Amino acid sequence: MTLKGILTVFIFYVLLLGSKGNAQVSTSDVNIQQPKHFAENIFGVGLHASLVSGLGLSFRQRLAGTVVAYQISGGIIKVDRSLYYDLGGELQFDLSGSDRDRLYVVGGTGYYFSGEVKNSLFSSAPDRHRIRI
């Protein structure tokens, strides 16, 4: 990988991860609610950054009448002859939530490729899996 390629990937990560994030700050059991079941499907498109389930453009669908959502994501970067891409997915189960926030369990998996012809990540686990709250 050339210095130009490393610099391009570094700048991409800095711009992607340098945005403002929100967090849940409530610590009382008073505000905890049962998961809300929405009457219709909810769709979303955006950017996703995870070392396990992919980095790049993502699509999420929350299924109507359930506490289940799924998300697929992927990204591609090509610098000179080097190619970097990833594909990933998540399955999310709500534990509690409302119209504005939610607490959920997520399981995810992803596949990463780096190289020109052969995946140079093959010896260092190009696929990743996780479960978290």
N, C-alpha and C. Protein backbone atom coordinates (compact mmCIF):
# COMPACT_ATOMS: atom_id res chain seq x y z
N MET A 1 0.85 -1.17 0.00
CA MET A 1 0.00 0.00 0.00
C MET A 1 0.89 1.23 0.00
N THR A 2 0.55 2.19 -0.82
CA THR A 2 1.35 3.39 -0.92
C THR A 2 0.98 4.38 0.18
N LEU A 3 1.83 5.38 0.35
CA LEU A 3 1.57 6.43 1.35
C LEU A 3 0.31 7.21 0.98
N LYS A 4 0.10 7.41 -0.31
CA LYS A 4 -1.11 8.11 -0.76
C LYS A 4 -2.36 7.33 -0.38
N GLY A 5 -2.33 6.01 -0.53
CA GLY A 5 -3.46 5.17 -0.17
C GLY A 5 -3.74 5.18 1.32
N ILE A 6 -2.69 5.10 2.12
CA ILE A 6 -2.85 5.14 3.57
C ILE A 6 -3.43 6.48 3.99
N LEU A 7 -2.93 7.56 3.43
CA LEU A 7 -3.43 8.89 3.76
C LEU A 7 -4.89 9.06 3.36
N THR A 8 -5.28 8.56 2.20
CA THR A 8 -6.67 8.64 1.75
C THR A 8 -7.60 7.90 2.69
N VAL A 9 -7.24 6.68 3.08
CA VAL A 9 -8.06 5.90 4.01
C VAL A 9 -8.13 6.58 5.36
N PHE A 10 -7.02 7.13 5.86
CA PHE A 10 -6.99 7.82 7.14
C PHE A 10 -7.92 9.04 7.13
N ILE A 11 -7.85 9.84 6.09
CA ILE A 11 -8.70 11.03 5.99
C ILE A 11 -10.17 10.62 5.93
N PHE A 12 -10.48 9.56 5.20
CA PHE A 12 -11.85 9.06 5.12
C PHE A 12 -12.37 8.69 6.50
N TYR A 13 -11.59 7.95 7.28
CA TYR A 13 -12.00 7.56 8.63
C TYR A 13 -12.17 8.78 9.53
N VAL A 14 -11.27 9.74 9.46
CA VAL A 14 -11.37 10.93 10.30
C VAL A 14 -12.64 11.70 9.99
N LEU A 15 -12.96 11.87 8.71
CA LEU A 15 -14.16 12.59 8.33
C LEU A 15 -15.42 11.83 8.73
N LEU A 16 -15.39 10.51 8.61
CA LEU A 16 -16.55 9.71 8.94
C LEU A 16 -16.79 9.65 10.44
N LEU A 17 -15.74 9.50 11.22
CA LEU A 17 -15.89 9.33 12.66
C LEU A 17 -15.87 10.65 13.41
N GLY A 18 -15.60 11.75 12.75
CA GLY A 18 -15.51 13.04 13.43
C GLY A 18 -16.84 13.76 13.57
N SER A 19 -17.95 13.07 13.44
CA SER A 19 -19.24 13.73 13.55
C SER A 19 -19.77 13.64 14.98
N LYS A 20 -20.74 14.48 15.28
CA LYS A 20 -21.35 14.52 16.61
C LYS A 20 -22.18 13.26 16.84
N GLY A 21 -22.08 12.69 18.02
CA GLY A 21 -22.87 11.52 18.39
C GLY A 21 -23.74 11.80 19.60
N ASN A 22 -24.88 11.16 19.68
CA ASN A 22 -25.78 11.30 20.81
C ASN A 22 -25.74 10.04 21.65
N ALA A 23 -26.00 10.18 22.94
CA ALA A 23 -26.00 9.03 23.83
C ALA A 23 -27.18 9.11 24.77
N GLN A 24 -27.63 7.96 25.24
CA GLN A 24 -28.70 7.91 26.23
C GLN A 24 -28.08 8.23 27.58
N VAL A 25 -28.66 9.17 28.32
CA VAL A 25 -28.08 9.60 29.59
C VAL A 25 -28.97 9.28 30.77
N SER A 26 -30.11 8.68 30.56
CA SER A 26 -31.02 8.35 31.66
C SER A 26 -30.50 7.14 32.42
N THR A 27 -30.47 7.23 33.75
CA THR A 27 -30.02 6.11 34.57
C THR A 27 -31.12 5.55 35.45
N SER A 28 -32.29 6.12 35.41
CA SER A 28 -33.40 5.72 36.26
C SER A 28 -34.24 4.65 35.57
N ASP A 29 -34.78 3.72 36.37
CA ASP A 29 -35.69 2.71 35.82
C ASP A 29 -37.04 3.30 35.45
N VAL A 30 -37.32 4.53 35.87
CA VAL A 30 -38.61 5.17 35.61
C VAL A 30 -38.84 5.35 34.12
N ASN A 31 -37.80 5.66 33.37
CA ASN A 31 -37.94 5.95 31.94
C ASN A 31 -37.86 4.72 31.04
N ILE A 32 -37.62 3.55 31.61
CA ILE A 32 -37.50 2.34 30.79
C ILE A 32 -38.89 1.88 30.39
N GLN A 33 -39.06 1.60 29.10
CA GLN A 33 -40.36 1.20 28.58
C GLN A 33 -40.23 -0.12 27.83
N GLN A 34 -41.35 -0.77 27.66
CA GLN A 34 -41.38 -1.96 26.82
C GLN A 34 -41.14 -1.52 25.37
N PRO A 35 -40.59 -2.40 24.55
CA PRO A 35 -40.36 -2.01 23.15
C PRO A 35 -41.66 -1.60 22.47
N LYS A 36 -41.59 -0.55 21.68
CA LYS A 36 -42.76 -0.07 20.95
C LYS A 36 -42.86 -0.84 19.64
N HIS A 37 -44.03 -1.37 19.36
CA HIS A 37 -44.28 -2.07 18.10
C HIS A 37 -44.91 -1.07 17.14
N PHE A 38 -44.22 -0.76 16.07
CA PHE A 38 -44.74 0.19 15.09
C PHE A 38 -45.67 -0.52 14.12
N ALA A 39 -46.70 0.17 13.68
CA ALA A 39 -47.72 -0.41 12.81
C ALA A 39 -47.24 -0.56 11.37
N GLU A 40 -46.19 0.14 10.99
CA GLU A 40 -45.70 0.05 9.61
C GLU A 40 -44.18 -0.09 9.62
N ASN A 41 -43.66 -0.56 8.51
CA ASN A 41 -42.21 -0.71 8.37
C ASN A 41 -41.54 0.66 8.42
N ILE A 42 -40.36 0.70 9.00
CA ILE A 42 -39.57 1.93 9.04
C ILE A 42 -38.26 1.64 8.31
N PHE A 43 -37.93 2.49 7.34
CA PHE A 43 -36.73 2.32 6.53
C PHE A 43 -35.75 3.46 6.80
N GLY A 44 -34.48 3.19 6.64
CA GLY A 44 -33.48 4.23 6.78
C GLY A 44 -32.26 3.94 5.92
N VAL A 45 -31.66 4.99 5.39
CA VAL A 45 -30.43 4.89 4.62
C VAL A 45 -29.45 5.88 5.23
N GLY A 46 -28.20 5.47 5.40
CA GLY A 46 -27.23 6.37 5.99
C GLY A 46 -25.83 5.79 5.95
N LEU A 47 -24.96 6.37 6.75
CA LEU A 47 -23.58 5.89 6.87
C LEU A 47 -23.45 5.05 8.13
N HIS A 48 -22.66 4.00 8.04
CA HIS A 48 -22.47 3.09 9.16
C HIS A 48 -20.98 2.80 9.28
N ALA A 49 -20.48 2.80 10.51
CA ALA A 49 -19.07 2.49 10.74
C ALA A 49 -18.96 1.47 11.86
N SER A 50 -18.53 0.27 11.53
CA SER A 50 -18.33 -0.78 12.51
C SER A 50 -17.16 -1.65 12.05
N LEU A 51 -16.32 -2.02 12.99
CA LEU A 51 -15.21 -2.90 12.65
C LEU A 51 -15.68 -4.32 12.38
N VAL A 52 -16.92 -4.62 12.73
CA VAL A 52 -17.44 -5.97 12.51
C VAL A 52 -18.40 -6.02 11.33
N SER A 53 -19.42 -5.19 11.34
CA SER A 53 -20.49 -5.33 10.34
C SER A 53 -20.40 -4.34 9.18
N GLY A 54 -19.25 -3.78 8.93
CA GLY A 54 -19.07 -2.99 7.73
C GLY A 54 -18.91 -1.50 7.94
N LEU A 55 -18.35 -0.88 6.93
CA LEU A 55 -18.09 0.55 6.92
C LEU A 55 -18.57 1.08 5.59
N GLY A 56 -19.47 2.07 5.63
CA GLY A 56 -19.93 2.67 4.38
C GLY A 56 -21.41 2.93 4.39
N LEU A 57 -22.03 2.83 3.23
CA LEU A 57 -23.45 3.10 3.06
C LEU A 57 -24.26 1.95 3.66
N SER A 58 -25.35 2.29 4.36
CA SER A 58 -26.14 1.25 4.99
C SER A 58 -27.63 1.44 4.71
N PHE A 59 -28.35 0.34 4.81
CA PHE A 59 -29.81 0.32 4.69
C PHE A 59 -30.35 -0.43 5.89
N ARG A 60 -31.34 0.16 6.59
CA ARG A 60 -31.94 -0.48 7.76
C ARG A 60 -33.45 -0.53 7.58
N GLN A 61 -34.05 -1.65 7.98
CA GLN A 61 -35.50 -1.79 7.98
C GLN A 61 -35.93 -2.33 9.33
N ARG A 62 -36.89 -1.64 9.93
CA ARG A 62 -37.51 -2.12 11.16
C ARG A 62 -38.85 -2.71 10.75
N LEU A 63 -39.04 -3.99 11.05
CA LEU A 63 -40.21 -4.72 10.58
C LEU A 63 -41.45 -4.36 11.39
N ALA A 64 -42.56 -4.18 10.69
CA ALA A 64 -43.82 -3.74 11.32
C ALA A 64 -44.34 -4.78 12.30
N GLY A 65 -44.80 -4.30 13.47
CA GLY A 65 -45.43 -5.17 14.44
C GLY A 65 -44.48 -6.07 15.21
N THR A 66 -43.19 -5.88 15.05
CA THR A 66 -42.21 -6.72 15.74
C THR A 66 -41.18 -5.85 16.45
N VAL A 67 -40.28 -6.49 17.16
CA VAL A 67 -39.17 -5.79 17.81
C VAL A 67 -37.87 -6.08 17.05
N VAL A 68 -37.98 -6.46 15.80
CA VAL A 68 -36.83 -6.89 14.99
C VAL A 68 -36.53 -5.85 13.91
N ALA A 69 -35.22 -5.60 13.71
CA ALA A 69 -34.75 -4.77 12.60
C ALA A 69 -33.50 -5.45 12.02
N TYR A 70 -33.23 -5.18 10.78
CA TYR A 70 -31.99 -5.66 10.17
C TYR A 70 -31.31 -4.50 9.46
N GLN A 71 -30.02 -4.65 9.26
CA GLN A 71 -29.26 -3.62 8.57
C GLN A 71 -28.19 -4.29 7.71
N ILE A 72 -28.04 -3.82 6.49
CA ILE A 72 -26.96 -4.27 5.62
C ILE A 72 -26.13 -3.04 5.27
N SER A 73 -24.82 -3.25 5.16
CA SER A 73 -23.95 -2.12 4.86
C SER A 73 -22.76 -2.59 4.04
N GLY A 74 -22.12 -1.64 3.39
CA GLY A 74 -20.95 -1.95 2.60
C GLY A 74 -20.29 -0.70 2.07
N GLY A 75 -19.06 -0.84 1.73
CA GLY A 75 -18.31 0.28 1.19
C GLY A 75 -17.18 -0.22 0.31
N ILE A 76 -16.70 0.67 -0.55
CA ILE A 76 -15.61 0.31 -1.45
C ILE A 76 -14.71 1.53 -1.65
N ILE A 77 -13.41 1.28 -1.62
CA ILE A 77 -12.41 2.32 -1.88
C ILE A 77 -11.39 1.71 -2.84
N LYS A 78 -11.08 2.43 -3.92
CA LYS A 78 -10.07 1.98 -4.87
C LYS A 78 -9.03 3.08 -5.02
N VAL A 79 -7.80 2.74 -4.69
CA VAL A 79 -6.67 3.66 -4.81
C VAL A 79 -5.65 3.00 -5.71
N ASP A 80 -5.39 3.62 -6.86
CA ASP A 80 -4.50 3.04 -7.87
C ASP A 80 -4.97 1.63 -8.20
N ARG A 81 -4.14 0.61 -7.94
CA ARG A 81 -4.54 -0.77 -8.22
C ARG A 81 -5.05 -1.50 -6.99
N SER A 82 -4.96 -0.87 -5.85
CA SER A 82 -5.41 -1.50 -4.61
C SER A 82 -6.92 -1.31 -4.42
N LEU A 83 -7.57 -2.36 -3.99
CA LEU A 83 -9.00 -2.37 -3.77
C LEU A 83 -9.30 -2.73 -2.32
N TYR A 84 -10.19 -1.97 -1.70
CA TYR A 84 -10.62 -2.22 -0.33
C TYR A 84 -12.14 -2.20 -0.33
N TYR A 85 -12.77 -3.27 0.15
CA TYR A 85 -14.22 -3.25 0.27
C TYR A 85 -14.66 -4.11 1.44
N ASP A 86 -15.89 -3.88 1.86
CA ASP A 86 -16.46 -4.67 2.93
C ASP A 86 -17.97 -4.79 2.72
N LEU A 87 -18.51 -5.88 3.21
CA LEU A 87 -19.94 -6.14 3.20
C LEU A 87 -20.31 -6.65 4.59
N GLY A 88 -21.42 -6.20 5.13
CA GLY A 88 -21.80 -6.66 6.46
C GLY A 88 -23.29 -6.57 6.70
N GLY A 89 -23.71 -7.17 7.79
CA GLY A 89 -25.10 -7.14 8.16
C GLY A 89 -25.28 -7.26 9.66
N GLU A 90 -26.42 -6.79 10.13
CA GLU A 90 -26.77 -6.86 11.55
C GLU A 90 -28.22 -7.27 11.68
N LEU A 91 -28.53 -7.97 12.79
CA LEU A 91 -29.88 -8.29 13.18
C LEU A 91 -30.07 -7.70 14.57
N GLN A 92 -31.10 -6.87 14.76
CA GLN A 92 -31.30 -6.13 16.00
C GLN A 92 -32.64 -6.51 16.64
N PHE A 93 -32.60 -6.76 17.97
CA PHE A 93 -33.80 -7.08 18.75
C PHE A 93 -33.96 -6.05 19.85
N ASP A 94 -35.08 -5.34 19.86
CA ASP A 94 -35.33 -4.29 20.86
C ASP A 94 -35.61 -4.89 22.23
N LEU A 95 -34.99 -4.32 23.26
CA LEU A 95 -35.27 -4.68 24.65
C LEU A 95 -36.24 -3.68 25.28
N SER A 96 -36.06 -2.40 24.97
CA SER A 96 -36.97 -1.35 25.42
C SER A 96 -36.86 -0.19 24.45
N GLY A 97 -37.86 0.69 24.49
CA GLY A 97 -37.78 1.83 23.59
C GLY A 97 -39.05 2.62 23.48
N SER A 98 -38.95 3.73 22.78
CA SER A 98 -40.06 4.63 22.55
C SER A 98 -39.93 5.19 21.13
N ASP A 99 -40.63 6.29 20.87
CA ASP A 99 -40.53 6.92 19.55
C ASP A 99 -39.14 7.52 19.32
N ARG A 100 -38.45 7.91 20.41
CA ARG A 100 -37.19 8.65 20.28
C ARG A 100 -35.94 7.83 20.52
N ASP A 101 -36.00 6.78 21.33
CA ASP A 101 -34.79 6.03 21.64
C ASP A 101 -35.11 4.55 21.83
N ARG A 102 -34.06 3.74 21.88
CA ARG A 102 -34.27 2.32 22.11
C ARG A 102 -32.99 1.67 22.62
N LEU A 103 -33.17 0.59 23.35
CA LEU A 103 -32.07 -0.25 23.82
C LEU A 103 -32.27 -1.59 23.13
N TYR A 104 -31.22 -2.11 22.49
CA TYR A 104 -31.39 -3.32 21.71
C TYR A 104 -30.15 -4.21 21.77
N VAL A 105 -30.36 -5.48 21.48
CA VAL A 105 -29.28 -6.46 21.34
C VAL A 105 -29.03 -6.60 19.85
N VAL A 106 -27.77 -6.66 19.48
CA VAL A 106 -27.43 -6.74 18.06
C VAL A 106 -26.43 -7.87 17.82
N GLY A 107 -26.63 -8.58 16.73
CA GLY A 107 -25.68 -9.57 16.26
C GLY A 107 -25.26 -9.17 14.86
N GLY A 108 -23.98 -9.24 14.57
CA GLY A 108 -23.53 -8.79 13.26
C GLY A 108 -22.41 -9.64 12.71
N THR A 109 -22.20 -9.51 11.42
CA THR A 109 -21.13 -10.21 10.74
C THR A 109 -20.66 -9.37 9.56
N GLY A 110 -19.43 -9.54 9.16
CA GLY A 110 -18.90 -8.77 8.04
C GLY A 110 -17.76 -9.49 7.35
N TYR A 111 -17.50 -9.09 6.12
CA TYR A 111 -16.39 -9.62 5.33
C TYR A 111 -15.61 -8.45 4.77
N TYR A 112 -14.29 -8.51 4.87
CA TYR A 112 -13.42 -7.42 4.44
C TYR A 112 -12.42 -7.94 3.40
N PHE A 113 -12.14 -7.10 2.40
CA PHE A 113 -11.16 -7.44 1.36
C PHE A 113 -10.18 -6.29 1.21
N SER A 114 -8.90 -6.63 1.08
CA SER A 114 -7.86 -5.63 0.83
C SER A 114 -6.82 -6.27 -0.06
N GLY A 115 -6.51 -5.63 -1.16
CA GLY A 115 -5.49 -6.16 -2.06
C GLY A 115 -5.76 -5.80 -3.49
N GLU A 116 -4.93 -6.37 -4.38
CA GLU A 116 -5.13 -6.15 -5.81
C GLU A 116 -5.91 -7.29 -6.44
N VAL A 117 -5.44 -8.52 -6.27
CA VAL A 117 -6.11 -9.69 -6.82
C VAL A 117 -6.51 -10.65 -5.69
N LYS A 118 -5.57 -10.88 -4.78
CA LYS A 118 -5.77 -11.82 -3.67
C LYS A 118 -6.01 -11.02 -2.39
N ASN A 119 -6.89 -11.52 -1.53
CA ASN A 119 -7.21 -10.85 -0.29
C ASN A 119 -6.02 -10.96 0.68
N SER A 120 -5.38 -9.83 0.97
CA SER A 120 -4.23 -9.84 1.88
C SER A 120 -4.66 -9.97 3.34
N LEU A 121 -5.96 -9.90 3.62
CA LEU A 121 -6.47 -10.06 4.98
C LEU A 121 -6.78 -11.52 5.32
N PHE A 122 -6.59 -12.42 4.36
CA PHE A 122 -6.98 -13.81 4.58
C PHE A 122 -6.29 -14.44 5.78
N SER A 123 -5.04 -14.11 6.00
CA SER A 123 -4.33 -14.70 7.14
C SER A 123 -4.71 -14.04 8.46
N SER A 124 -5.36 -12.87 8.42
CA SER A 124 -5.72 -12.16 9.66
C SER A 124 -7.22 -12.00 9.80
N ALA A 125 -7.96 -13.04 9.48
CA ALA A 125 -9.42 -13.09 9.66
C ALA A 125 -10.18 -11.99 8.92
N PRO A 126 -10.47 -12.19 7.63
CA PRO A 126 -11.23 -11.18 6.89
C PRO A 126 -12.70 -11.14 7.26
N ASP A 127 -13.20 -12.17 7.95
CA ASP A 127 -14.59 -12.16 8.37
C ASP A 127 -14.67 -11.99 9.88
N ARG A 128 -15.69 -11.26 10.33
CA ARG A 128 -15.83 -10.94 11.76
C ARG A 128 -17.28 -11.13 12.17
N HIS A 129 -17.47 -11.49 13.45
CA HIS A 129 -18.80 -11.74 13.99
C HIS A 129 -18.88 -11.15 15.40
N ARG A 130 -20.09 -10.76 15.85
CA ARG A 130 -20.24 -10.22 17.20
C ARG A 130 -21.69 -10.30 17.66
N ILE A 131 -21.85 -10.22 18.98
CA ILE A 131 -23.15 -10.02 19.63
C ILE A 131 -22.92 -9.01 20.73
N ARG A 132 -23.75 -7.98 20.85
CA ARG A 132 -23.57 -6.97 21.87
C ARG A 132 -24.90 -6.32 22.23
N ILE A 133 -24.88 -5.59 23.36
CA ILE A 133 -26.05 -4.80 23.77
C ILE A 133 -25.68 -3.35 23.58
